[in-house]
Amino acid sequence: MSDLDSPDFQALVQELQLVRNQIQTVSTQVNEILLTLESLSTQDNDRPVFRAVGNLLLEVDDRDKLMKELTDSKGTFETHLQRMIERETELRTQYEKVIDSVEQ
């Protein structure tokens, strides 16, 4: 049985795929927050802003508080994204080592 058939290698491949999917998901979330922050900053202050809470849209009373919450969330997601990118790099290195050992 080759290393490519081993349960350890299969688990490595699965984890790599999972991390890659999580990176895509979190990247999308960061981009959505960035777009929201940009839209909110260009929105006329006289126009109401709404926030989705469950199935409801509620008017936001404090835009500055909303901007801070969004900025904090973006920072949290970016930190998490960086950790996942680092993990992906580690997994890719392990993956490439196994592939190289099989090819030799």
C-alpha atoms as a PDB file:
ATOM      1  CA  MET A   1       0.000   0.000   0.000  1.00  0.00           C
ATOM      2  CA  SER A   2       1.459   3.390  -1.002  1.00  0.00           C
ATOM      3  CA  ASP A   3       1.580   6.455   1.206  1.00  0.00           C
ATOM      4  CA  LEU A   4      -1.187   7.974  -0.926  1.00  0.00           C
ATOM      5  CA  ASP A   5      -3.587   5.240   0.206  1.00  0.00           C
ATOM      6  CA  SER A   6      -2.809   5.609   3.890  1.00  0.00           C
ATOM      7  CA  PRO A   7      -5.473   6.909   6.275  1.00  0.00           C
ATOM      8  CA  ASP A   8      -3.032   9.597   7.454  1.00  0.00           C
ATOM      9  CA  PHE A   9      -2.613  10.946   3.934  1.00  0.00           C
ATOM     10  CA  GLN A  10      -6.356  10.849   3.311  1.00  0.00           C
ATOM     11  CA  ALA A  11      -6.923  12.759   6.563  1.00  0.00           C
ATOM     12  CA  LEU A  12      -4.305  15.299   5.469  1.00  0.00           C
ATOM     13  CA  VAL A  13      -6.073  15.800   2.145  1.00  0.00           C
ATOM     14  CA  GLN A  14      -9.433  16.179   3.873  1.00  0.00           C
ATOM     15  CA  GLU A  15      -8.075  18.724   6.348  1.00  0.00           C
ATOM     16  CA  LEU A  16      -6.422  20.665   3.528  1.00  0.00           C
ATOM     17  CA  GLN A  17      -9.727  20.778   1.634  1.00  0.00           C
ATOM     18  CA  LEU A  18     -11.594  21.822   4.782  1.00  0.00           C
ATOM     19  CA  VAL A  19      -9.143  24.620   5.560  1.00  0.00           C
ATOM     20  CA  ARG A  20      -9.298  25.821   1.940  1.00  0.00           C
ATOM     21  CA  ASN A  21     -13.103  25.951   2.105  1.00  0.00           C
ATOM     22  CA  GLN A  22     -12.953  27.840   5.405  1.00  0.00           C
ATOM     23  CA  ILE A  23     -10.507  30.330   3.890  1.00  0.00           C
ATOM     24  CA  GLN A  24     -12.933  30.967   1.033  1.00  0.00           C
ATOM     25  CA  THR A  25     -15.861  31.387   3.423  1.00  0.00           C
ATOM     26  CA  VAL A  26     -14.054  33.775   5.765  1.00  0.00           C
ATOM     27  CA  SER A  27     -12.607  35.741   2.828  1.00  0.00           C
ATOM     28  CA  THR A  28     -16.139  36.206   1.541  1.00  0.00           C
ATOM     29  CA  GLN A  29     -17.272  37.398   4.967  1.00  0.00           C
ATOM     30  CA  VAL A  30     -14.407  39.910   5.174  1.00  0.00           C
ATOM     31  CA  ASN A  31     -15.245  41.201   1.694  1.00  0.00           C
ATOM     32  CA  GLU A  32     -18.922  41.562   2.620  1.00  0.00           C
ATOM     33  CA  ILE A  33     -18.022  43.546   5.740  1.00  0.00           C
ATOM     34  CA  LEU A  34     -15.686  45.766   3.715  1.00  0.00           C
ATOM     35  CA  LEU A  35     -18.451  46.431   1.195  1.00  0.00           C
ATOM     36  CA  THR A  36     -20.894  47.171   4.013  1.00  0.00           C
ATOM     37  CA  LEU A  37     -18.463  49.588   5.685  1.00  0.00           C
ATOM     38  CA  GLU A  38     -17.832  51.324   2.376  1.00  0.00           C
ATOM     39  CA  SER A  39     -21.540  51.608   1.621  1.00  0.00           C
ATOM     40  CA  LEU A  40     -22.289  52.834   5.117  1.00  0.00           C
ATOM     41  CA  SER A  41     -19.615  55.526   4.914  1.00  0.00           C
ATOM     42  CA  THR A  42     -21.033  56.871   1.645  1.00  0.00           C
ATOM     43  CA  GLN A  43     -24.660  56.679   2.762  1.00  0.00           C
ATOM     44  CA  ASP A  44     -26.274  60.076   3.397  1.00  0.00           C
ATOM     45  CA  ASN A  45     -26.722  60.573   7.143  1.00  0.00           C
ATOM     46  CA  ASP A  46     -30.343  61.644   6.601  1.00  0.00           C
ATOM     47  CA  ARG A  47     -31.254  58.256   5.134  1.00  0.00           C
ATOM     48  CA  PRO A  48     -32.105  55.414   7.485  1.00  0.00           C
ATOM     49  CA  VAL A  49     -29.847  52.396   7.781  1.00  0.00           C
ATOM     50  CA  PHE A  50     -31.228  48.972   8.627  1.00  0.00           C
ATOM     51  CA  ARG A  51     -29.644  45.888  10.101  1.00  0.00           C
ATOM     52  CA  ALA A  52     -30.856  42.344   9.636  1.00  0.00           C
ATOM     53  CA  VAL A  53     -31.640  40.617  12.923  1.00  0.00           C
ATOM     54  CA  GLY A  54     -32.987  37.173  12.221  1.00  0.00           C
ATOM     55  CA  ASN A  55     -35.886  37.625   9.814  1.00  0.00           C
ATOM     56  CA  LEU A  56     -36.339  41.297  10.741  1.00  0.00           C
ATOM     57  CA  LEU A  57     -34.807  44.488   9.414  1.00  0.00           C
ATOM     58  CA  LEU A  58     -34.355  46.927  12.280  1.00  0.00           C
ATOM     59  CA  GLU A  59     -33.433  50.573  11.880  1.00  0.00           C
ATOM     60  CA  VAL A  60     -30.016  51.440  13.278  1.00  0.00           C
ATOM     61  CA  ASP A  61     -30.047  54.314  15.769  1.00  0.00           C
ATOM     62  CA  ASP A  62     -26.277  54.618  16.263  1.00  0.00           C
ATOM     63  CA  ARG A  63     -24.273  54.426  13.026  1.00  0.00           C
ATOM     64  CA  ASP A  64     -20.964  54.954  14.803  1.00  0.00           C
ATOM     65  CA  LYS A  65     -21.635  51.959  17.035  1.00  0.00           C
ATOM     66  CA  LEU A  66     -22.546  49.885  13.978  1.00  0.00           C
ATOM     67  CA  MET A  67     -19.351  50.973  12.182  1.00  0.00           C
ATOM     68  CA  LYS A  68     -17.284  49.993  15.243  1.00  0.00           C
ATOM     69  CA  GLU A  69     -18.997  46.594  15.505  1.00  0.00           C
ATOM     70  CA  LEU A  70     -18.393  45.943  11.820  1.00  0.00           C
ATOM     71  CA  THR A  71     -14.766  47.065  12.059  1.00  0.00           C
ATOM     72  CA  ASP A  72     -14.210  44.833  15.096  1.00  0.00           C
ATOM     73  CA  SER A  73     -15.822  41.879  13.301  1.00  0.00           C
ATOM     74  CA  LYS A  74     -13.648  42.479  10.259  1.00  0.00           C
ATOM     75  CA  GLY A  75     -10.548  42.452  12.455  1.00  0.00           C
ATOM     76  CA  THR A  76     -11.601  39.215  14.117  1.00  0.00           C
ATOM     77  CA  PHE A  77     -12.281  37.562  10.757  1.00  0.00           C
ATOM     78  CA  GLU A  78      -8.962  38.800   9.351  1.00  0.00           C
ATOM     79  CA  THR A  79      -7.073  37.344  12.326  1.00  0.00           C
ATOM     80  CA  HIS A  80      -8.873  34.033  11.899  1.00  0.00           C
ATOM     81  CA  LEU A  81      -8.206  34.129   8.161  1.00  0.00           C
ATOM     82  CA  GLN A  82      -4.486  34.664   8.737  1.00  0.00           C
ATOM     83  CA  ARG A  83      -4.356  31.662  11.090  1.00  0.00           C
ATOM     84  CA  MET A  84      -6.127  29.495   8.532  1.00  0.00           C
ATOM     85  CA  ILE A  85      -3.748  30.617   5.786  1.00  0.00           C
ATOM     86  CA  GLU A  86      -0.810  29.666   8.012  1.00  0.00           C
ATOM     87  CA  ARG A  87      -2.404  26.270   8.671  1.00  0.00           C
ATOM     88  CA  GLU A  88      -2.984  25.780   4.956  1.00  0.00           C
ATOM     89  CA  THR A  89       0.697  26.489   4.311  1.00  0.00           C
ATOM     90  CA  GLU A  90       1.695  23.884   6.905  1.00  0.00           C
ATOM     91  CA  LEU A  91      -0.667  21.320   5.397  1.00  0.00           C
ATOM     92  CA  ARG A  92       0.524  22.011   1.851  1.00  0.00           C
ATOM     93  CA  THR A  93       4.115  21.485   2.991  1.00  0.00           C
ATOM     94  CA  GLN A  94       3.177  18.126   4.546  1.00  0.00           C
ATOM     95  CA  TYR A  95       1.220  17.198   1.425  1.00  0.00           C
ATOM     96  CA  GLU A  96       4.125  18.039  -0.873  1.00  0.00           C
ATOM     97  CA  LYS A  97       6.536  15.995   1.282  1.00  0.00           C
ATOM     98  CA  VAL A  98       4.323  12.929   0.963  1.00  0.00           C
ATOM     99  CA  ILE A  99       3.943  13.416  -2.792  1.00  0.00           C
ATOM    100  CA  ASP A 100       7.708  13.866  -3.191  1.00  0.00           C
ATOM    101  CA  SER A 101       8.426  10.704  -1.194  1.00  0.00           C
ATOM    102  CA  VAL A 102       6.052   8.694  -3.408  1.00  0.00           C
ATOM    103  CA  GLU A 103       7.555  10.050  -6.620  1.00  0.00           C
ATOM    104  CA  GLN A 104      11.085   9.019  -5.604  1.00  0.00           C
END
